Amino acid sequence: MVIVQKNPTAIVQKMKCGVPQGSIVGPVLFVLHINDLPTTVKHKARSILFADDTSILIKAPKSNQLQSDLNIAFTQLNKWFESNLLFLNFDNSHFIQFNNASQCTSKAPTVTSYRAIVI
């Protein structure tokens, strides 16, 4: 694929991978590209895809199990992203922990390279 910009001083460049931003087929190709992402974490988590956003849901009875499952899931996700020439932007990622009143703790699980918000 070759990118040609309307700018008269633009340089024609070859694309090694990806889809030009703003292309008509971009959203469809993106969905096809990430379609297998949910199978990556299906043993430890449930994933929900909507457009270019992904939510990962993990349910665990104890905080140490939650921490373990989170780190396993994100390790698997990072491997998937790398093998698909993508990256997980940790600066735009959030972690929210929901508890019932009897299980509420003030300490969030430690997740490798991840921000945490405990509610």
N, C-alpha and C. Protein backbone atom coordinates (compact mmCIF):
# COMPACT_ATOMS: atom_id res chain seq x y z
N MET A 1 0.85 -1.16 0.00
CA MET A 1 0.00 0.00 0.00
C MET A 1 0.90 1.23 0.00
N VAL A 2 0.51 2.24 -0.73
CA VAL A 2 1.26 3.49 -0.80
C VAL A 2 0.36 4.61 -0.30
N ILE A 3 0.91 5.48 0.53
CA ILE A 3 0.16 6.63 1.03
C ILE A 3 0.54 7.85 0.20
N VAL A 4 -0.46 8.53 -0.30
CA VAL A 4 -0.22 9.77 -1.04
C VAL A 4 -1.05 10.86 -0.37
N GLN A 5 -0.40 11.90 0.07
CA GLN A 5 -1.09 13.01 0.70
C GLN A 5 -1.38 14.08 -0.33
N LYS A 6 -2.38 14.92 -0.06
CA LYS A 6 -2.73 16.00 -1.00
C LYS A 6 -1.76 17.17 -0.91
N ASN A 7 -0.94 17.20 0.08
CA ASN A 7 0.05 18.24 0.26
C ASN A 7 1.08 18.14 -0.87
N PRO A 8 1.34 19.24 -1.60
CA PRO A 8 2.29 19.16 -2.72
C PRO A 8 3.72 18.81 -2.31
N THR A 9 4.07 19.04 -1.05
CA THR A 9 5.42 18.70 -0.60
C THR A 9 5.48 17.33 0.07
N ALA A 10 4.39 16.59 0.01
CA ALA A 10 4.34 15.29 0.66
C ALA A 10 5.25 14.29 -0.04
N ILE A 11 5.72 13.35 0.75
CA ILE A 11 6.58 12.29 0.22
C ILE A 11 5.76 11.01 0.14
N VAL A 12 5.85 10.31 -0.98
CA VAL A 12 5.17 9.03 -1.13
C VAL A 12 5.93 8.00 -0.30
N GLN A 13 5.20 7.29 0.55
CA GLN A 13 5.84 6.32 1.43
C GLN A 13 5.12 4.98 1.31
N LYS A 14 5.87 3.91 1.45
CA LYS A 14 5.27 2.58 1.48
C LYS A 14 4.86 2.27 2.91
N MET A 15 3.69 1.65 3.06
CA MET A 15 3.24 1.21 4.38
C MET A 15 3.60 -0.25 4.54
N LYS A 16 4.19 -0.59 5.68
CA LYS A 16 4.53 -1.98 5.96
C LYS A 16 3.35 -2.72 6.57
N CYS A 17 2.53 -1.99 7.32
CA CYS A 17 1.36 -2.60 7.95
C CYS A 17 0.39 -1.50 8.33
N GLY A 18 -0.84 -1.90 8.64
CA GLY A 18 -1.83 -0.94 9.10
C GLY A 18 -2.73 -0.45 7.99
N VAL A 19 -3.57 0.52 8.36
CA VAL A 19 -4.54 1.11 7.46
C VAL A 19 -4.42 2.62 7.61
N PRO A 20 -4.41 3.36 6.52
CA PRO A 20 -4.33 4.82 6.65
C PRO A 20 -5.49 5.36 7.48
N GLN A 21 -5.19 6.27 8.40
CA GLN A 21 -6.23 6.83 9.25
C GLN A 21 -7.20 7.62 8.39
N GLY A 22 -8.49 7.46 8.67
CA GLY A 22 -9.50 8.17 7.92
C GLY A 22 -9.99 7.43 6.68
N SER A 23 -9.46 6.25 6.43
CA SER A 23 -9.90 5.51 5.24
C SER A 23 -11.30 4.94 5.47
N ILE A 24 -12.00 4.70 4.40
CA ILE A 24 -13.38 4.20 4.48
C ILE A 24 -13.41 2.77 5.03
N VAL A 25 -12.46 1.96 4.65
CA VAL A 25 -12.45 0.56 5.10
C VAL A 25 -11.74 0.37 6.44
N GLY A 26 -11.16 1.44 6.97
CA GLY A 26 -10.40 1.35 8.23
C GLY A 26 -11.14 0.68 9.37
N PRO A 27 -12.37 1.14 9.71
CA PRO A 27 -13.09 0.52 10.83
C PRO A 27 -13.36 -0.97 10.63
N VAL A 28 -13.72 -1.36 9.42
CA VAL A 28 -13.99 -2.78 9.16
C VAL A 28 -12.71 -3.60 9.28
N LEU A 29 -11.63 -3.11 8.71
CA LEU A 29 -10.35 -3.83 8.80
C LEU A 29 -9.86 -3.91 10.25
N PHE A 30 -10.10 -2.85 11.03
CA PHE A 30 -9.69 -2.87 12.43
C PHE A 30 -10.46 -3.95 13.20
N VAL A 31 -11.77 -4.03 12.99
CA VAL A 31 -12.58 -5.05 13.67
C VAL A 31 -12.13 -6.44 13.26
N LEU A 32 -11.84 -6.64 11.99
CA LEU A 32 -11.34 -7.94 11.53
C LEU A 32 -9.98 -8.25 12.15
N HIS A 33 -9.16 -7.23 12.31
CA HIS A 33 -7.82 -7.40 12.85
C HIS A 33 -7.84 -7.81 14.32
N ILE A 34 -8.76 -7.25 15.10
CA ILE A 34 -8.79 -7.55 16.53
C ILE A 34 -9.84 -8.59 16.90
N ASN A 35 -10.46 -9.19 15.92
CA ASN A 35 -11.54 -10.14 16.17
C ASN A 35 -11.14 -11.32 17.06
N ASP A 36 -9.89 -11.74 17.02
CA ASP A 36 -9.47 -12.88 17.83
C ASP A 36 -8.94 -12.47 19.21
N LEU A 37 -8.94 -11.19 19.53
CA LEU A 37 -8.46 -10.73 20.83
C LEU A 37 -9.17 -11.40 22.01
N PRO A 38 -10.50 -11.55 21.99
CA PRO A 38 -11.17 -12.19 23.13
C PRO A 38 -10.67 -13.61 23.44
N THR A 39 -10.21 -14.34 22.44
CA THR A 39 -9.72 -15.70 22.71
C THR A 39 -8.41 -15.70 23.49
N THR A 40 -7.72 -14.56 23.48
CA THR A 40 -6.44 -14.44 24.17
C THR A 40 -6.59 -14.56 25.68
N VAL A 41 -7.67 -14.01 26.24
CA VAL A 41 -7.83 -13.97 27.69
C VAL A 41 -9.04 -14.75 28.17
N LYS A 42 -9.58 -15.61 27.34
CA LYS A 42 -10.85 -16.27 27.68
C LYS A 42 -10.78 -17.17 28.91
N HIS A 43 -9.59 -17.63 29.31
CA HIS A 43 -9.50 -18.52 30.47
C HIS A 43 -9.50 -17.77 31.78
N LYS A 44 -9.03 -16.53 31.79
CA LYS A 44 -8.94 -15.75 33.02
C LYS A 44 -9.89 -14.55 33.04
N ALA A 45 -10.43 -14.17 31.89
CA ALA A 45 -11.21 -12.94 31.82
C ALA A 45 -12.23 -13.01 30.70
N ARG A 46 -13.13 -12.05 30.72
CA ARG A 46 -14.10 -11.89 29.64
C ARG A 46 -13.81 -10.54 29.00
N SER A 47 -13.74 -10.50 27.69
CA SER A 47 -13.46 -9.24 27.02
C SER A 47 -14.70 -8.76 26.28
N ILE A 48 -14.84 -7.44 26.25
CA ILE A 48 -15.94 -6.80 25.54
C ILE A 48 -15.32 -5.79 24.59
N LEU A 49 -15.61 -5.94 23.29
CA LEU A 49 -15.06 -5.03 22.28
C LEU A 49 -16.17 -4.10 21.79
N PHE A 50 -15.85 -2.82 21.71
CA PHE A 50 -16.77 -1.85 21.14
C PHE A 50 -15.94 -0.83 20.37
N ALA A 51 -16.10 -0.82 19.06
CA ALA A 51 -15.30 0.05 18.18
C ALA A 51 -13.83 -0.20 18.48
N ASP A 52 -13.09 0.82 18.90
CA ASP A 52 -11.66 0.62 19.19
C ASP A 52 -11.39 0.58 20.69
N ASP A 53 -12.42 0.36 21.48
CA ASP A 53 -12.27 0.22 22.94
C ASP A 53 -12.44 -1.23 23.34
N THR A 54 -11.68 -1.64 24.33
CA THR A 54 -11.77 -3.01 24.83
C THR A 54 -11.89 -2.96 26.34
N SER A 55 -12.83 -3.71 26.88
CA SER A 55 -12.96 -3.85 28.33
C SER A 55 -12.66 -5.30 28.68
N ILE A 56 -11.93 -5.49 29.76
CA ILE A 56 -11.60 -6.82 30.25
C ILE A 56 -12.24 -6.96 31.63
N LEU A 57 -13.08 -7.97 31.78
CA LEU A 57 -13.76 -8.21 33.05
C LEU A 57 -13.18 -9.46 33.70
N ILE A 58 -12.81 -9.32 34.97
CA ILE A 58 -12.26 -10.44 35.72
C ILE A 58 -13.00 -10.54 37.04
N LYS A 59 -13.45 -11.73 37.35
CA LYS A 59 -14.16 -11.97 38.60
C LYS A 59 -13.34 -12.94 39.43
N ALA A 60 -13.10 -12.59 40.68
CA ALA A 60 -12.31 -13.47 41.56
C ALA A 60 -12.84 -13.34 42.99
N PRO A 61 -12.87 -14.45 43.73
CA PRO A 61 -13.41 -14.42 45.09
C PRO A 61 -12.47 -13.76 46.11
N LYS A 62 -11.19 -13.75 45.83
CA LYS A 62 -10.21 -13.19 46.77
C LYS A 62 -9.27 -12.25 46.03
N SER A 63 -8.74 -11.25 46.77
CA SER A 63 -7.90 -10.23 46.13
C SER A 63 -6.60 -10.81 45.57
N ASN A 64 -6.01 -11.82 46.23
CA ASN A 64 -4.77 -12.39 45.69
C ASN A 64 -5.03 -13.13 44.38
N GLN A 65 -6.19 -13.76 44.25
CA GLN A 65 -6.56 -14.41 42.98
C GLN A 65 -6.83 -13.37 41.90
N LEU A 66 -7.47 -12.26 42.29
CA LEU A 66 -7.72 -11.18 41.35
C LEU A 66 -6.40 -10.61 40.82
N GLN A 67 -5.47 -10.37 41.71
CA GLN A 67 -4.16 -9.85 41.31
C GLN A 67 -3.46 -10.80 40.35
N SER A 68 -3.48 -12.07 40.65
CA SER A 68 -2.85 -13.07 39.79
C SER A 68 -3.51 -13.11 38.42
N ASP A 69 -4.85 -13.16 38.41
CA ASP A 69 -5.59 -13.23 37.14
C ASP A 69 -5.38 -11.97 36.31
N LEU A 70 -5.34 -10.80 36.96
CA LEU A 70 -5.09 -9.55 36.24
C LEU A 70 -3.74 -9.57 35.55
N ASN A 71 -2.72 -9.96 36.27
CA ASN A 71 -1.38 -9.97 35.69
C ASN A 71 -1.25 -11.00 34.58
N ILE A 72 -1.89 -12.15 34.73
CA ILE A 72 -1.88 -13.16 33.67
C ILE A 72 -2.59 -12.62 32.43
N ALA A 73 -3.77 -12.02 32.64
CA ALA A 73 -4.55 -11.49 31.52
C ALA A 73 -3.77 -10.40 30.78
N PHE A 74 -3.13 -9.49 31.51
CA PHE A 74 -2.41 -8.40 30.84
C PHE A 74 -1.12 -8.87 30.20
N THR A 75 -0.52 -9.90 30.73
CA THR A 75 0.64 -10.50 30.06
C THR A 75 0.20 -11.11 28.74
N GLN A 76 -0.92 -11.83 28.76
CA GLN A 76 -1.44 -12.43 27.53
C GLN A 76 -1.83 -11.35 26.52
N LEU A 77 -2.48 -10.27 27.00
CA LEU A 77 -2.86 -9.18 26.11
C LEU A 77 -1.64 -8.52 25.48
N ASN A 78 -0.63 -8.26 26.28
CA ASN A 78 0.58 -7.64 25.73
C ASN A 78 1.22 -8.51 24.66
N LYS A 79 1.26 -9.82 24.88
CA LYS A 79 1.81 -10.72 23.86
C LYS A 79 0.98 -10.66 22.58
N TRP A 80 -0.36 -10.62 22.73
CA TRP A 80 -1.24 -10.53 21.56
C TRP A 80 -0.98 -9.23 20.81
N PHE A 81 -0.91 -8.13 21.55
CA PHE A 81 -0.67 -6.83 20.91
C PHE A 81 0.66 -6.83 20.16
N GLU A 82 1.72 -7.33 20.78
CA GLU A 82 3.03 -7.37 20.13
C GLU A 82 3.00 -8.23 18.87
N SER A 83 2.36 -9.39 18.94
CA SER A 83 2.34 -10.27 17.77
C SER A 83 1.48 -9.72 16.64
N ASN A 84 0.60 -8.76 16.96
CA ASN A 84 -0.25 -8.13 15.94
C ASN A 84 0.21 -6.72 15.60
N LEU A 85 1.45 -6.41 15.98
CA LEU A 85 2.07 -5.12 15.68
C LEU A 85 1.27 -3.94 16.23
N LEU A 86 0.69 -4.13 17.40
CA LEU A 86 -0.05 -3.09 18.10
C LEU A 86 0.58 -2.90 19.47
N PHE A 87 0.11 -1.93 20.22
CA PHE A 87 0.60 -1.77 21.58
C PHE A 87 -0.54 -1.36 22.48
N LEU A 88 -0.43 -1.72 23.73
CA LEU A 88 -1.41 -1.37 24.75
C LEU A 88 -0.94 -0.07 25.39
N ASN A 89 -1.75 0.96 25.27
CA ASN A 89 -1.40 2.27 25.81
C ASN A 89 -1.83 2.32 27.28
N PHE A 90 -0.87 2.09 28.17
CA PHE A 90 -1.18 2.08 29.60
C PHE A 90 -1.61 3.45 30.10
N ASP A 91 -1.19 4.53 29.45
CA ASP A 91 -1.59 5.86 29.89
C ASP A 91 -3.08 6.12 29.66
N ASN A 92 -3.68 5.42 28.72
CA ASN A 92 -5.12 5.57 28.45
C ASN A 92 -5.91 4.38 28.96
N SER A 93 -5.32 3.61 29.86
CA SER A 93 -5.99 2.43 30.39
C SER A 93 -6.30 2.65 31.87
N HIS A 94 -7.39 2.06 32.31
CA HIS A 94 -7.82 2.24 33.70
C HIS A 94 -8.23 0.90 34.29
N PHE A 95 -8.07 0.80 35.58
CA PHE A 95 -8.49 -0.38 36.32
C PHE A 95 -9.49 0.08 37.37
N ILE A 96 -10.64 -0.56 37.42
CA ILE A 96 -11.65 -0.24 38.42
C ILE A 96 -12.03 -1.54 39.11
N GLN A 97 -11.99 -1.52 40.42
CA GLN A 97 -12.35 -2.71 41.20
C GLN A 97 -13.66 -2.46 41.91
N PHE A 98 -14.62 -3.36 41.72
CA PHE A 98 -15.91 -3.29 42.39
C PHE A 98 -15.98 -4.39 43.43
N ASN A 99 -16.44 -4.06 44.62
CA ASN A 99 -16.60 -5.03 45.71
C ASN A 99 -17.98 -4.87 46.30
N ASN A 100 -18.47 -5.94 46.92
CA ASN A 100 -19.67 -5.74 47.73
C ASN A 100 -19.21 -5.22 49.10
N ALA A 101 -20.10 -4.73 49.90
CA ALA A 101 -19.74 -4.07 51.16
C ALA A 101 -18.95 -4.98 52.10
N SER A 102 -19.26 -6.26 52.14
CA SER A 102 -18.58 -7.17 53.06
C SER A 102 -17.14 -7.49 52.62
N GLN A 103 -16.82 -7.26 51.35
CA GLN A 103 -15.48 -7.57 50.84
C GLN A 103 -14.64 -6.33 50.60
N CYS A 104 -15.13 -5.18 50.96
CA CYS A 104 -14.46 -3.93 50.64
C CYS A 104 -13.13 -3.80 51.36
N THR A 105 -12.09 -3.50 50.59
CA THR A 105 -10.77 -3.21 51.14
C THR A 105 -10.28 -1.91 50.54
N SER A 106 -9.38 -1.27 51.19
CA SER A 106 -8.85 -0.02 50.66
C SER A 106 -7.64 -0.25 49.76
N LYS A 107 -7.14 -1.46 49.71
CA LYS A 107 -5.94 -1.75 48.94
C LYS A 107 -6.30 -2.35 47.58
N ALA A 108 -5.80 -1.73 46.52
CA ALA A 108 -6.00 -2.25 45.16
C ALA A 108 -4.95 -3.31 44.88
N PRO A 109 -5.27 -4.32 44.08
CA PRO A 109 -4.26 -5.31 43.72
C PRO A 109 -3.15 -4.66 42.91
N THR A 110 -1.97 -5.20 43.02
CA THR A 110 -0.84 -4.70 42.25
C THR A 110 -0.89 -5.32 40.86
N VAL A 111 -0.97 -4.45 39.87
CA VAL A 111 -1.03 -4.90 38.49
C VAL A 111 0.20 -4.34 37.79
N THR A 112 0.95 -5.19 37.14
CA THR A 112 2.20 -4.78 36.50
C THR A 112 1.96 -3.66 35.50
N SER A 113 2.68 -2.54 35.66
CA SER A 113 2.62 -1.39 34.75
C SER A 113 1.21 -0.91 34.50
N TYR A 114 0.44 -0.73 35.54
CA TYR A 114 -0.95 -0.37 35.35
C TYR A 114 -1.42 0.57 36.43
N ARG A 115 -2.28 1.53 36.10
CA ARG A 115 -2.89 2.42 37.07
C ARG A 115 -4.10 1.73 37.68
N ALA A 116 -4.40 2.02 38.91
CA ALA A 116 -5.55 1.39 39.56
C ALA A 116 -6.43 2.42 40.23
N ILE A 117 -7.73 2.23 40.10
CA ILE A 117 -8.72 3.03 40.80
C ILE A 117 -9.60 2.04 41.55
N VAL A 118 -9.71 2.19 42.86
CA VAL A 118 -10.53 1.27 43.64
C VAL A 118 -11.80 2.00 44.04
N ILE A 119 -12.95 1.38 43.77
CA ILE A 119 -14.24 1.96 44.15
C ILE A 119 -14.92 1.01 45.12
